[in-house]
Every structure is written in structure tokens, then in C-alpha cells.
Amino acid sequence: MGRGVLDLERHFAFYGAYHSNPINIIIHVLFVWPIFYTSLVLFHFTPSLIQLPPLPFLSPPLLLNFGFFFALLYASFYVLLDRRAGSLAALLCLFCWLSSSSLASRLGFSLAWKVVLAAQLFCWIGQFIGHGVFEKRAPALLDNLSQALLMAPFFVLLEVLQNFCGYEPYPGFRASVEAKIDAEIKEWQAKKQKKTS
């Protein structure tokens, strides 16, 4: 099912090859979405790119700023990758944008950036520990930053859906991805062994 940039198997196998240890996967499930969320908190303070008329039932008013377009980009990409799970991911992106906007406007910039910094440091350190201690492999973002950052929230959502609901985007997806992940890990181990010998 190769579709270039929309090849879910390729994206999932790339990310999965760096996340095969169960403890590392759990760490990522716990920390990836908070990183996305807190990024949106900070993006709330970017200038509004499109002016909306004020709506009386919305307080504080929503701003169509960089945070909105960041969430929209992620949501759209996930829907294009897989309509069903992608729609759930898109709803999560929308919820994150709405709630992070509300939180950011209540905190104000002077407090929000401190909260974001603390949360981001905590979550990123947790993930690096997951890779260093449990996975024993450098994070995916060191090999492909954009793919790793863009796929991380969807990857952990698909992991949860697969493990707890038996979800597959299409029949045979999981088996095909697991074969690609195994091949990628074997290739990485062979390269690593060559370097040390």
C-alpha cells in the first residue's frame, strides 16, 4: 500500500523500529501528546493570522493563529493517512487546540512559558531515558526530525488502538508493519555490530 508521503506502513515501520521496547512505548504513550499539547499552549501567543468576529458564547475568543494551523496540519495529515484512526487523531488535535487556547489565555504568557518549559523538559527527558535505558537506541528524530515529530502523536494513538482494540487500518497492516520493523531493527543491529568490530 505504498502511497509516498501518505504511506502509513512506511511511516509506522520507521517509527516502530525505534520503539520496540514495551516500556519505551509506554513512556511515549504518556509523554508524546503532552508535548503536542504544551506546544499549542505556547503557539497560542502567536499573532492571529485570520481575524474572526467575536462570538458572544466564546470566552476567551478563539484565535486562528499559528497554534490553530499547527493543529490543523497534524489533523489533516492523520486523516489522509487513515480515515478512521486519523479522524480520532484529528478530534484529539482539535480538543488539544481548544483546551490549550483556553489554558494559555487563563495563564497569560509570563506563566504559560514557564509551565510549557517545565512540561516539555520533563516529557523530553522521559523519552530520552526511554531510549537510552530501555530501547538502547537513539530516538527517531535524530535520523528524520520532521517525520519523527509529525508521526509521533499518531504512532502512539495507533499503538493504543492496536493493543487495546485490535484496530488495523486494513487487514494485514500489523503483520506487514511488524515484518518491516524486524527487518529495519536487524539492519540497524548489523550496522552497529560492524562499527564495533
N, C-alpha and C. Protein backbone atom coordinates (compact mmCIF):
# COMPACT_ATOMS: atom_id res chain seq x y z
N MET A 1 0.83 -1.20 0.00
CA MET A 1 0.00 0.00 0.00
C MET A 1 0.87 1.26 0.00
N GLY A 2 1.89 1.27 -0.88
CA GLY A 2 2.78 2.42 -0.92
C GLY A 2 2.12 3.64 -1.55
N ARG A 3 2.10 4.74 -0.83
CA ARG A 3 1.50 5.97 -1.34
C ARG A 3 2.41 7.16 -1.07
N GLY A 4 3.71 6.95 -1.16
CA GLY A 4 4.65 8.04 -0.94
C GLY A 4 4.54 8.64 0.45
N VAL A 5 4.30 9.94 0.49
CA VAL A 5 4.23 10.65 1.78
C VAL A 5 3.06 10.17 2.63
N LEU A 6 2.06 9.54 2.01
CA LEU A 6 0.90 9.04 2.76
C LEU A 6 0.97 7.53 2.98
N ASP A 7 2.15 6.96 2.88
CA ASP A 7 2.35 5.52 3.10
C ASP A 7 2.40 5.25 4.60
N LEU A 8 1.26 4.89 5.16
CA LEU A 8 1.17 4.68 6.61
C LEU A 8 2.08 3.55 7.08
N GLU A 9 2.16 2.49 6.30
CA GLU A 9 3.03 1.37 6.68
C GLU A 9 4.48 1.83 6.81
N ARG A 10 4.95 2.61 5.84
CA ARG A 10 6.34 3.08 5.87
C ARG A 10 6.58 3.97 7.08
N HIS A 11 5.66 4.90 7.33
CA HIS A 11 5.80 5.80 8.48
C HIS A 11 5.78 5.02 9.79
N PHE A 12 4.83 4.10 9.89
CA PHE A 12 4.67 3.34 11.13
C PHE A 12 5.87 2.43 11.37
N ALA A 13 6.38 1.82 10.29
CA ALA A 13 7.54 0.94 10.42
C ALA A 13 8.79 1.74 10.80
N PHE A 14 8.95 2.93 10.20
CA PHE A 14 10.09 3.78 10.55
C PHE A 14 10.05 4.10 12.04
N TYR A 15 8.92 4.57 12.51
CA TYR A 15 8.80 4.97 13.91
C TYR A 15 8.87 3.74 14.82
N GLY A 16 8.23 2.66 14.41
CA GLY A 16 8.21 1.44 15.21
C GLY A 16 9.58 0.82 15.40
N ALA A 17 10.47 0.99 14.43
CA ALA A 17 11.81 0.43 14.55
C ALA A 17 12.60 1.08 15.68
N TYR A 18 12.21 2.27 16.07
CA TYR A 18 12.86 2.98 17.17
C TYR A 18 12.10 2.81 18.49
N HIS A 19 10.99 2.13 18.43
CA HIS A 19 10.12 1.98 19.60
C HIS A 19 9.59 0.55 19.66
N SER A 20 10.50 -0.38 19.97
CA SER A 20 10.09 -1.78 20.05
C SER A 20 10.05 -2.28 21.49
N ASN A 21 10.69 -1.56 22.39
CA ASN A 21 10.70 -1.95 23.80
C ASN A 21 9.38 -1.51 24.45
N PRO A 22 8.67 -2.43 25.12
CA PRO A 22 7.35 -2.09 25.69
C PRO A 22 7.38 -0.92 26.68
N ILE A 23 8.43 -0.81 27.49
CA ILE A 23 8.50 0.29 28.47
C ILE A 23 8.71 1.62 27.74
N ASN A 24 9.55 1.61 26.72
CA ASN A 24 9.77 2.82 25.93
C ASN A 24 8.47 3.24 25.23
N ILE A 25 7.72 2.27 24.75
CA ILE A 25 6.43 2.58 24.09
C ILE A 25 5.48 3.22 25.11
N ILE A 26 5.41 2.67 26.32
CA ILE A 26 4.53 3.23 27.36
C ILE A 26 4.96 4.67 27.69
N ILE A 27 6.27 4.89 27.81
CA ILE A 27 6.78 6.24 28.08
C ILE A 27 6.31 7.20 26.99
N HIS A 28 6.40 6.78 25.74
CA HIS A 28 5.98 7.63 24.64
C HIS A 28 4.47 7.85 24.63
N VAL A 29 3.72 6.82 24.94
CA VAL A 29 2.26 6.97 25.03
C VAL A 29 1.90 8.03 26.07
N LEU A 30 2.63 8.05 27.17
CA LEU A 30 2.36 9.00 28.24
C LEU A 30 2.83 10.42 27.93
N PHE A 31 3.92 10.57 27.15
CA PHE A 31 4.56 11.88 27.02
C PHE A 31 4.40 12.57 25.67
N VAL A 32 4.08 11.85 24.61
CA VAL A 32 4.04 12.48 23.28
C VAL A 32 2.91 13.49 23.16
N TRP A 33 1.69 13.11 23.54
CA TRP A 33 0.57 14.06 23.42
C TRP A 33 0.73 15.27 24.32
N PRO A 34 1.27 15.14 25.56
CA PRO A 34 1.53 16.35 26.34
C PRO A 34 2.53 17.30 25.68
N ILE A 35 3.50 16.77 24.93
CA ILE A 35 4.43 17.64 24.20
C ILE A 35 3.67 18.41 23.13
N PHE A 36 2.81 17.71 22.39
CA PHE A 36 1.98 18.36 21.37
C PHE A 36 1.10 19.44 22.02
N TYR A 37 0.45 19.07 23.12
CA TYR A 37 -0.47 19.99 23.81
C TYR A 37 0.25 21.25 24.31
N THR A 38 1.38 21.06 24.98
CA THR A 38 2.08 22.22 25.53
C THR A 38 2.68 23.10 24.44
N SER A 39 3.02 22.50 23.30
CA SER A 39 3.46 23.32 22.16
C SER A 39 2.33 24.25 21.72
N LEU A 40 1.11 23.71 21.72
CA LEU A 40 -0.05 24.53 21.35
C LEU A 40 -0.30 25.64 22.36
N VAL A 41 -0.03 25.38 23.63
CA VAL A 41 -0.17 26.42 24.65
C VAL A 41 0.72 27.61 24.29
N LEU A 42 1.97 27.33 23.94
CA LEU A 42 2.90 28.40 23.58
C LEU A 42 2.51 29.07 22.26
N PHE A 43 2.06 28.28 21.28
CA PHE A 43 1.66 28.83 19.98
C PHE A 43 0.43 29.73 20.09
N HIS A 44 -0.29 29.63 21.19
CA HIS A 44 -1.46 30.49 21.40
C HIS A 44 -1.07 31.97 21.38
N PHE A 45 0.17 32.25 21.76
CA PHE A 45 0.60 33.64 21.88
C PHE A 45 1.16 34.22 20.58
N THR A 46 1.07 33.43 19.49
CA THR A 46 1.48 33.97 18.19
C THR A 46 0.36 34.84 17.65
N PRO A 47 0.67 35.77 16.73
CA PRO A 47 -0.37 36.67 16.22
C PRO A 47 -1.45 35.90 15.46
N SER A 48 -2.66 36.39 15.53
CA SER A 48 -3.77 35.79 14.79
C SER A 48 -3.57 36.04 13.30
N LEU A 49 -3.65 34.98 12.50
CA LEU A 49 -3.42 35.09 11.06
C LEU A 49 -4.70 35.44 10.31
N ILE A 50 -5.82 35.07 10.90
CA ILE A 50 -7.13 35.39 10.31
C ILE A 50 -8.00 35.97 11.42
N GLN A 51 -8.61 37.11 11.17
CA GLN A 51 -9.46 37.74 12.18
C GLN A 51 -10.88 37.17 12.10
N LEU A 52 -11.37 36.69 13.22
CA LEU A 52 -12.74 36.22 13.32
C LEU A 52 -13.55 37.24 14.10
N PRO A 53 -14.81 37.41 13.73
CA PRO A 53 -15.63 38.30 14.57
C PRO A 53 -15.82 37.66 15.94
N PRO A 54 -15.87 38.45 17.01
CA PRO A 54 -16.04 37.87 18.35
C PRO A 54 -17.39 37.16 18.47
N LEU A 55 -17.35 35.99 19.09
CA LEU A 55 -18.57 35.21 19.31
C LEU A 55 -18.95 35.32 20.78
N PRO A 56 -20.18 35.74 21.07
CA PRO A 56 -20.56 36.00 22.47
C PRO A 56 -20.48 34.79 23.38
N PHE A 57 -20.63 33.57 22.82
CA PHE A 57 -20.62 32.37 23.67
C PHE A 57 -19.20 31.84 23.91
N LEU A 58 -18.20 32.45 23.27
CA LEU A 58 -16.82 32.01 23.46
C LEU A 58 -16.05 33.02 24.29
N SER A 59 -15.60 32.56 25.43
CA SER A 59 -14.76 33.41 26.26
C SER A 59 -13.66 32.53 26.85
N PRO A 60 -12.43 32.77 26.58
CA PRO A 60 -11.86 33.80 25.71
C PRO A 60 -12.10 33.47 24.23
N PRO A 61 -12.01 34.47 23.36
CA PRO A 61 -12.23 34.22 21.94
C PRO A 61 -11.12 33.33 21.36
N LEU A 62 -11.49 32.51 20.38
CA LEU A 62 -10.50 31.66 19.73
C LEU A 62 -9.74 32.46 18.68
N LEU A 63 -8.45 32.21 18.63
CA LEU A 63 -7.60 32.89 17.66
C LEU A 63 -7.13 31.90 16.60
N LEU A 64 -7.29 32.28 15.34
CA LEU A 64 -6.78 31.43 14.27
C LEU A 64 -5.33 31.84 14.01
N ASN A 65 -4.48 31.41 14.94
CA ASN A 65 -3.07 31.76 14.91
C ASN A 65 -2.24 30.54 14.51
N PHE A 66 -0.94 30.61 14.77
CA PHE A 66 -0.07 29.51 14.39
C PHE A 66 -0.48 28.21 15.08
N GLY A 67 -0.95 28.28 16.32
CA GLY A 67 -1.40 27.09 17.04
C GLY A 67 -2.53 26.39 16.31
N PHE A 68 -3.49 27.16 15.80
CA PHE A 68 -4.61 26.58 15.05
C PHE A 68 -4.11 25.88 13.79
N PHE A 69 -3.25 26.54 13.03
CA PHE A 69 -2.77 25.95 11.78
C PHE A 69 -1.83 24.77 12.01
N PHE A 70 -1.10 24.80 13.11
CA PHE A 70 -0.26 23.68 13.51
C PHE A 70 -1.15 22.46 13.78
N ALA A 71 -2.19 22.64 14.58
CA ALA A 71 -3.13 21.55 14.90
C ALA A 71 -3.85 21.08 13.64
N LEU A 72 -4.23 22.02 12.78
CA LEU A 72 -4.93 21.68 11.53
C LEU A 72 -4.04 20.86 10.60
N LEU A 73 -2.76 21.21 10.51
CA LEU A 73 -1.81 20.45 9.69
C LEU A 73 -1.72 19.01 10.17
N TYR A 74 -1.52 18.83 11.46
CA TYR A 74 -1.43 17.49 12.02
C TYR A 74 -2.73 16.72 11.79
N ALA A 75 -3.86 17.35 12.09
CA ALA A 75 -5.16 16.69 11.95
C ALA A 75 -5.40 16.25 10.51
N SER A 76 -5.12 17.13 9.56
CA SER A 76 -5.34 16.82 8.15
C SER A 76 -4.45 15.67 7.69
N PHE A 77 -3.19 15.71 8.10
CA PHE A 77 -2.25 14.65 7.72
C PHE A 77 -2.71 13.30 8.24
N TYR A 78 -3.18 13.26 9.48
CA TYR A 78 -3.61 12.00 10.08
C TYR A 78 -4.85 11.44 9.37
N VAL A 79 -5.79 12.31 9.01
CA VAL A 79 -6.99 11.86 8.29
C VAL A 79 -6.60 11.30 6.92
N LEU A 80 -5.63 11.94 6.26
CA LEU A 80 -5.18 11.45 4.95
C LEU A 80 -4.47 10.10 5.07
N LEU A 81 -3.78 9.86 6.19
CA LEU A 81 -3.09 8.59 6.40
C LEU A 81 -4.07 7.45 6.62
N ASP A 82 -5.10 7.70 7.41
CA ASP A 82 -6.08 6.66 7.72
C ASP A 82 -7.37 7.35 8.16
N ARG A 83 -8.43 7.13 7.41
CA ARG A 83 -9.65 7.88 7.65
C ARG A 83 -10.23 7.66 9.06
N ARG A 84 -10.26 6.41 9.52
CA ARG A 84 -10.91 6.14 10.82
C ARG A 84 -10.06 6.59 12.00
N ALA A 85 -8.87 6.02 12.14
CA ALA A 85 -7.99 6.41 13.26
C ALA A 85 -7.54 7.86 13.10
N GLY A 86 -7.37 8.30 11.86
CA GLY A 86 -6.97 9.68 11.61
C GLY A 86 -8.03 10.67 12.05
N SER A 87 -9.30 10.29 11.90
CA SER A 87 -10.39 11.16 12.35
C SER A 87 -10.38 11.29 13.87
N LEU A 88 -10.10 10.19 14.56
CA LEU A 88 -9.98 10.25 16.02
C LEU A 88 -8.80 11.14 16.41
N ALA A 89 -7.67 10.96 15.72
CA ALA A 89 -6.49 11.80 15.99
C ALA A 89 -6.80 13.27 15.71
N ALA A 90 -7.55 13.53 14.64
CA ALA A 90 -7.92 14.91 14.30
C ALA A 90 -8.78 15.52 15.39
N LEU A 91 -9.71 14.74 15.93
CA LEU A 91 -10.54 15.23 17.05
C LEU A 91 -9.67 15.54 18.26
N LEU A 92 -8.69 14.69 18.52
CA LEU A 92 -7.77 14.94 19.64
C LEU A 92 -6.96 16.22 19.40
N CYS A 93 -6.53 16.43 18.15
CA CYS A 93 -5.79 17.66 17.82
C CYS A 93 -6.68 18.88 18.05
N LEU A 94 -7.94 18.79 17.62
CA LEU A 94 -8.88 19.91 17.81
C LEU A 94 -9.12 20.16 19.30
N PHE A 95 -9.32 19.08 20.06
CA PHE A 95 -9.52 19.22 21.50
C PHE A 95 -8.29 19.87 22.15
N CYS A 96 -7.09 19.42 21.75
CA CYS A 96 -5.85 19.99 22.29
C CYS A 96 -5.77 21.48 21.99
N TRP A 97 -6.12 21.86 20.75
CA TRP A 97 -6.05 23.28 20.38
C TRP A 97 -7.03 24.10 21.21
N LEU A 98 -8.29 23.61 21.32
CA LEU A 98 -9.30 24.35 22.08
C LEU A 98 -8.92 24.49 23.55
N SER A 99 -8.53 23.37 24.17
CA SER A 99 -8.24 23.42 25.60
C SER A 99 -6.92 24.14 25.89
N SER A 100 -5.93 24.00 24.99
CA SER A 100 -4.67 24.71 25.21
C SER A 100 -4.85 26.22 25.05
N SER A 101 -5.74 26.63 24.13
CA SER A 101 -6.04 28.06 23.96
C SER A 101 -6.67 28.62 25.23
N SER A 102 -7.59 27.85 25.78
CA SER A 102 -8.27 28.28 27.00
C SER A 102 -7.27 28.38 28.16
N LEU A 103 -6.43 27.35 28.30
CA LEU A 103 -5.44 27.35 29.38
C LEU A 103 -4.45 28.51 29.21
N ALA A 104 -3.97 28.71 27.98
CA ALA A 104 -2.98 29.76 27.73
C ALA A 104 -3.54 31.14 28.05
N SER A 105 -4.80 31.39 27.68
CA SER A 105 -5.36 32.71 27.94
C SER A 105 -5.60 32.93 29.43
N ARG A 106 -5.83 31.85 30.17
CA ARG A 106 -6.00 31.98 31.63
C ARG A 106 -4.65 32.20 32.33
N LEU A 107 -3.62 31.49 31.84
CA LEU A 107 -2.30 31.61 32.48
C LEU A 107 -1.62 32.93 32.16
N GLY A 108 -1.78 33.39 30.91
CA GLY A 108 -1.01 34.55 30.47
C GLY A 108 0.39 34.12 30.07
N PHE A 109 1.02 34.89 29.21
CA PHE A 109 2.31 34.47 28.66
C PHE A 109 3.39 34.29 29.72
N SER A 110 3.45 35.19 30.70
CA SER A 110 4.56 35.14 31.68
C SER A 110 4.56 33.85 32.50
N LEU A 111 3.39 33.26 32.74
CA LEU A 111 3.34 31.99 33.46
C LEU A 111 3.31 30.81 32.49
N ALA A 112 2.64 30.97 31.36
CA ALA A 112 2.47 29.87 30.41
C ALA A 112 3.81 29.34 29.91
N TRP A 113 4.75 30.23 29.55
CA TRP A 113 6.01 29.73 29.00
C TRP A 113 6.79 28.93 30.04
N LYS A 114 6.64 29.29 31.34
CA LYS A 114 7.32 28.54 32.39
C LYS A 114 6.71 27.14 32.55
N VAL A 115 5.38 27.08 32.49
CA VAL A 115 4.68 25.79 32.58
C VAL A 115 5.06 24.91 31.38
N VAL A 116 5.07 25.52 30.19
CA VAL A 116 5.42 24.79 28.97
C VAL A 116 6.85 24.28 29.05
N LEU A 117 7.77 25.14 29.47
CA LEU A 117 9.17 24.73 29.58
C LEU A 117 9.34 23.55 30.53
N ALA A 118 8.71 23.63 31.70
CA ALA A 118 8.82 22.54 32.68
C ALA A 118 8.23 21.24 32.11
N ALA A 119 7.05 21.33 31.50
CA ALA A 119 6.39 20.14 30.94
C ALA A 119 7.20 19.54 29.80
N GLN A 120 7.70 20.41 28.91
CA GLN A 120 8.48 19.91 27.77
C GLN A 120 9.77 19.24 28.25
N LEU A 121 10.47 19.87 29.20
CA LEU A 121 11.70 19.26 29.72
C LEU A 121 11.41 17.90 30.34
N PHE A 122 10.37 17.84 31.16
CA PHE A 122 10.01 16.59 31.82
C PHE A 122 9.70 15.50 30.80
N CYS A 123 8.87 15.83 29.80
CA CYS A 123 8.45 14.84 28.80
C CYS A 123 9.60 14.42 27.89
N TRP A 124 10.42 15.37 27.45
CA TRP A 124 11.54 15.02 26.58
C TRP A 124 12.59 14.20 27.34
N ILE A 125 12.88 14.56 28.58
CA ILE A 125 13.84 13.78 29.37
C ILE A 125 13.32 12.36 29.56
N GLY A 126 12.03 12.24 29.85
CA GLY A 126 11.43 10.91 29.98
C GLY A 126 11.62 10.07 28.73
N GLN A 127 11.42 10.70 27.57
CA GLN A 127 11.57 9.96 26.32
C GLN A 127 13.02 9.58 26.04
N PHE A 128 13.94 10.50 26.35
CA PHE A 128 15.36 10.16 26.16
C PHE A 128 15.79 9.04 27.11
N ILE A 129 15.25 9.02 28.32
CA ILE A 129 15.52 7.91 29.24
C ILE A 129 14.96 6.61 28.65
N GLY A 130 13.75 6.69 28.10
CA GLY A 130 13.14 5.52 27.47
C GLY A 130 14.03 4.95 26.37
N HIS A 131 14.64 5.83 25.59
CA HIS A 131 15.51 5.36 24.50
C HIS A 131 16.85 4.87 25.04
N GLY A 132 17.45 5.63 25.95
CA GLY A 132 18.78 5.27 26.44
C GLY A 132 18.78 4.04 27.33
N VAL A 133 17.82 3.96 28.24
CA VAL A 133 17.81 2.88 29.24
C VAL A 133 17.10 1.63 28.73
N PHE A 134 15.96 1.80 28.06
CA PHE A 134 15.14 0.65 27.70
C PHE A 134 15.28 0.24 26.23
N GLU A 135 15.23 1.19 25.33
CA GLU A 135 15.30 0.87 23.90
C GLU A 135 16.75 0.62 23.48
N LYS A 136 17.67 1.32 24.12
CA LYS A 136 19.10 1.25 23.79
C LYS A 136 19.35 1.63 22.33
N ARG A 137 18.58 2.61 21.88
CA ARG A 137 18.74 3.14 20.52
C ARG A 137 18.37 4.62 20.54
N ALA A 138 19.11 5.40 19.78
CA ALA A 138 18.84 6.84 19.71
C ALA A 138 17.43 7.08 19.19
N PRO A 139 16.81 8.20 19.59
CA PRO A 139 15.46 8.50 19.12
C PRO A 139 15.38 8.66 17.60
N ALA A 140 14.18 8.43 17.05
CA ALA A 140 13.96 8.54 15.60
C ALA A 140 14.24 9.95 15.10
N LEU A 141 14.02 10.94 15.95
CA LEU A 141 14.18 12.33 15.50
C LEU A 141 15.62 12.66 15.11
N LEU A 142 16.59 11.86 15.56
CA LEU A 142 17.97 12.10 15.17
C LEU A 142 18.23 11.67 13.73
N ASP A 143 17.39 10.76 13.21
CA ASP A 143 17.55 10.31 11.83
C ASP A 143 16.61 11.02 10.86
N ASN A 144 15.44 11.40 11.34
CA ASN A 144 14.48 12.09 10.46
C ASN A 144 13.57 12.93 11.35
N LEU A 145 14.00 14.16 11.61
CA LEU A 145 13.32 15.03 12.57
C LEU A 145 11.86 15.28 12.20
N SER A 146 11.61 15.69 10.96
CA SER A 146 10.23 16.04 10.58
C SER A 146 9.31 14.84 10.64
N GLN A 147 9.76 13.69 10.14
CA GLN A 147 8.92 12.51 10.17
C GLN A 147 8.64 12.07 11.60
N ALA A 148 9.67 12.10 12.44
CA ALA A 148 9.50 11.68 13.83
C ALA A 148 8.53 12.58 14.57
N LEU A 149 8.68 13.91 14.42
CA LEU A 149 7.80 14.84 15.14
C LEU A 149 6.37 14.80 14.62
N LEU A 150 6.22 14.65 13.30
CA LEU A 150 4.88 14.63 12.72
C LEU A 150 4.16 13.32 13.02
N MET A 151 4.87 12.22 13.03
CA MET A 151 4.23 10.92 13.22
C MET A 151 4.04 10.52 14.68
N ALA A 152 4.80 11.10 15.59
CA ALA A 152 4.78 10.64 16.99
C ALA A 152 3.38 10.58 17.60
N PRO A 153 2.57 11.64 17.55
CA PRO A 153 1.24 11.54 18.16
C PRO A 153 0.36 10.45 17.54
N PHE A 154 0.42 10.33 16.21
CA PHE A 154 -0.40 9.32 15.54
C PHE A 154 0.11 7.92 15.83
N PHE A 155 1.43 7.77 15.90
CA PHE A 155 2.02 6.47 16.20
C PHE A 155 1.55 5.95 17.55
N VAL A 156 1.61 6.79 18.58
CA VAL A 156 1.22 6.31 19.90
C VAL A 156 -0.28 6.04 19.97
N LEU A 157 -1.08 6.83 19.25
CA LEU A 157 -2.52 6.56 19.20
C LEU A 157 -2.79 5.22 18.53
N LEU A 158 -2.13 4.96 17.40
CA LEU A 158 -2.30 3.67 16.72
C LEU A 158 -1.84 2.51 17.59
N GLU A 159 -0.75 2.71 18.33
CA GLU A 159 -0.27 1.67 19.25
C GLU A 159 -1.36 1.30 20.26
N VAL A 160 -1.97 2.33 20.84
CA VAL A 160 -3.03 2.11 21.83
C VAL A 160 -4.23 1.41 21.17
N LEU A 161 -4.64 1.89 20.01
CA LEU A 161 -5.79 1.29 19.31
C LEU A 161 -5.51 -0.15 18.92
N GLN A 162 -4.28 -0.44 18.48
CA GLN A 162 -3.94 -1.81 18.11
C GLN A 162 -3.92 -2.73 19.32
N ASN A 163 -3.26 -2.27 20.39
CA ASN A 163 -3.07 -3.15 21.55
C ASN A 163 -4.33 -3.34 22.38
N PHE A 164 -5.19 -2.33 22.44
CA PHE A 164 -6.37 -2.44 23.31
C PHE A 164 -7.66 -2.72 22.55
N CYS A 165 -7.69 -2.38 21.26
CA CYS A 165 -8.93 -2.58 20.49
C CYS A 165 -8.73 -3.51 19.31
N GLY A 166 -7.50 -3.95 19.07
CA GLY A 166 -7.22 -4.81 17.92
C GLY A 166 -7.41 -4.10 16.58
N TYR A 167 -7.30 -2.78 16.59
CA TYR A 167 -7.55 -1.99 15.37
C TYR A 167 -6.44 -2.18 14.34
N GLU A 168 -6.84 -2.30 13.09
CA GLU A 168 -5.92 -2.28 11.96
C GLU A 168 -6.52 -1.38 10.89
N PRO A 169 -5.72 -0.50 10.29
CA PRO A 169 -6.25 0.36 9.23
C PRO A 169 -6.82 -0.46 8.07
N TYR A 170 -6.23 -1.62 7.83
CA TYR A 170 -6.74 -2.55 6.82
C TYR A 170 -6.17 -3.93 7.17
N PRO A 171 -6.82 -5.00 6.69
CA PRO A 171 -6.35 -6.35 7.03
C PRO A 171 -4.90 -6.57 6.60
N GLY A 172 -4.11 -7.13 7.50
CA GLY A 172 -2.71 -7.43 7.22
C GLY A 172 -1.75 -6.30 7.54
N PHE A 173 -2.28 -5.16 7.96
CA PHE A 173 -1.42 -3.99 8.25
C PHE A 173 -0.39 -4.33 9.33
N ARG A 174 -0.86 -4.87 10.44
CA ARG A 174 0.04 -5.12 11.58
C ARG A 174 1.14 -6.11 11.22
N ALA A 175 0.78 -7.20 10.53
CA ALA A 175 1.77 -8.22 10.16
C ALA A 175 2.80 -7.62 9.21
N SER A 176 2.36 -6.84 8.26
CA SER A 176 3.27 -6.22 7.29
C SER A 176 4.22 -5.24 7.98
N VAL A 177 3.67 -4.43 8.87
CA VAL A 177 4.49 -3.45 9.59
C VAL A 177 5.49 -4.16 10.51
N GLU A 178 5.05 -5.19 11.20
CA GLU A 178 5.96 -5.92 12.10
C GLU A 178 7.13 -6.53 11.33
N ALA A 179 6.85 -7.04 10.12
CA ALA A 179 7.92 -7.60 9.29
C ALA A 179 8.91 -6.51 8.89
N LYS A 180 8.40 -5.33 8.54
CA LYS A 180 9.28 -4.21 8.16
C LYS A 180 10.08 -3.73 9.37
N ILE A 181 9.45 -3.69 10.53
CA ILE A 181 10.16 -3.26 11.75
C ILE A 181 11.27 -4.24 12.08
N ASP A 182 10.98 -5.55 12.01
CA ASP A 182 12.00 -6.57 12.29
C ASP A 182 13.18 -6.43 11.33
N ALA A 183 12.88 -6.21 10.04
CA ALA A 183 13.95 -6.06 9.04
C ALA A 183 14.79 -4.82 9.33
N GLU A 184 14.13 -3.71 9.69
CA GLU A 184 14.83 -2.46 10.00
C GLU A 184 15.72 -2.62 11.23
N ILE A 185 15.21 -3.30 12.26
CA ILE A 185 16.00 -3.50 13.50
C ILE A 185 17.21 -4.39 13.22
N LYS A 186 17.01 -5.45 12.40
CA LYS A 186 18.13 -6.33 12.06
C LYS A 186 19.20 -5.57 11.28
N GLU A 187 18.77 -4.72 10.37
CA GLU A 187 19.71 -3.91 9.58
C GLU A 187 20.48 -2.96 10.49
N TRP A 188 19.78 -2.32 11.44
CA TRP A 188 20.42 -1.40 12.38
C TRP A 188 21.42 -2.15 13.26
N GLN A 189 21.04 -3.35 13.74
CA GLN A 189 21.94 -4.13 14.58
C GLN A 189 23.19 -4.58 13.83
N ALA A 190 23.00 -4.93 12.54
CA ALA A 190 24.15 -5.33 11.72
C ALA A 190 25.12 -4.16 11.53
N LYS A 191 24.58 -2.96 11.27
CA LYS A 191 25.42 -1.76 11.12
C LYS A 191 26.15 -1.46 12.42
N LYS A 192 25.44 -1.61 13.52
CA LYS A 192 26.02 -1.31 14.84
C LYS A 192 27.16 -2.29 15.13
N GLN A 193 26.95 -3.56 14.77
CA GLN A 193 27.96 -4.58 15.03
C GLN A 193 29.20 -4.33 14.16
N LYS A 194 28.97 -3.89 12.92
CA LYS A 194 30.10 -3.58 12.01
C LYS A 194 30.96 -2.46 12.59
N LYS A 195 30.29 -1.44 13.16
CA LYS A 195 31.03 -0.30 13.72
C LYS A 195 31.88 -0.71 14.92
N THR A 196 31.38 -1.65 15.73
CA THR A 196 32.09 -2.04 16.94
C THR A 196 33.18 -3.09 16.66
N SER A 197 33.09 -3.76 15.51
CA SER A 197 34.09 -4.80 15.24
C SER A 197 35.24 -4.28 14.40
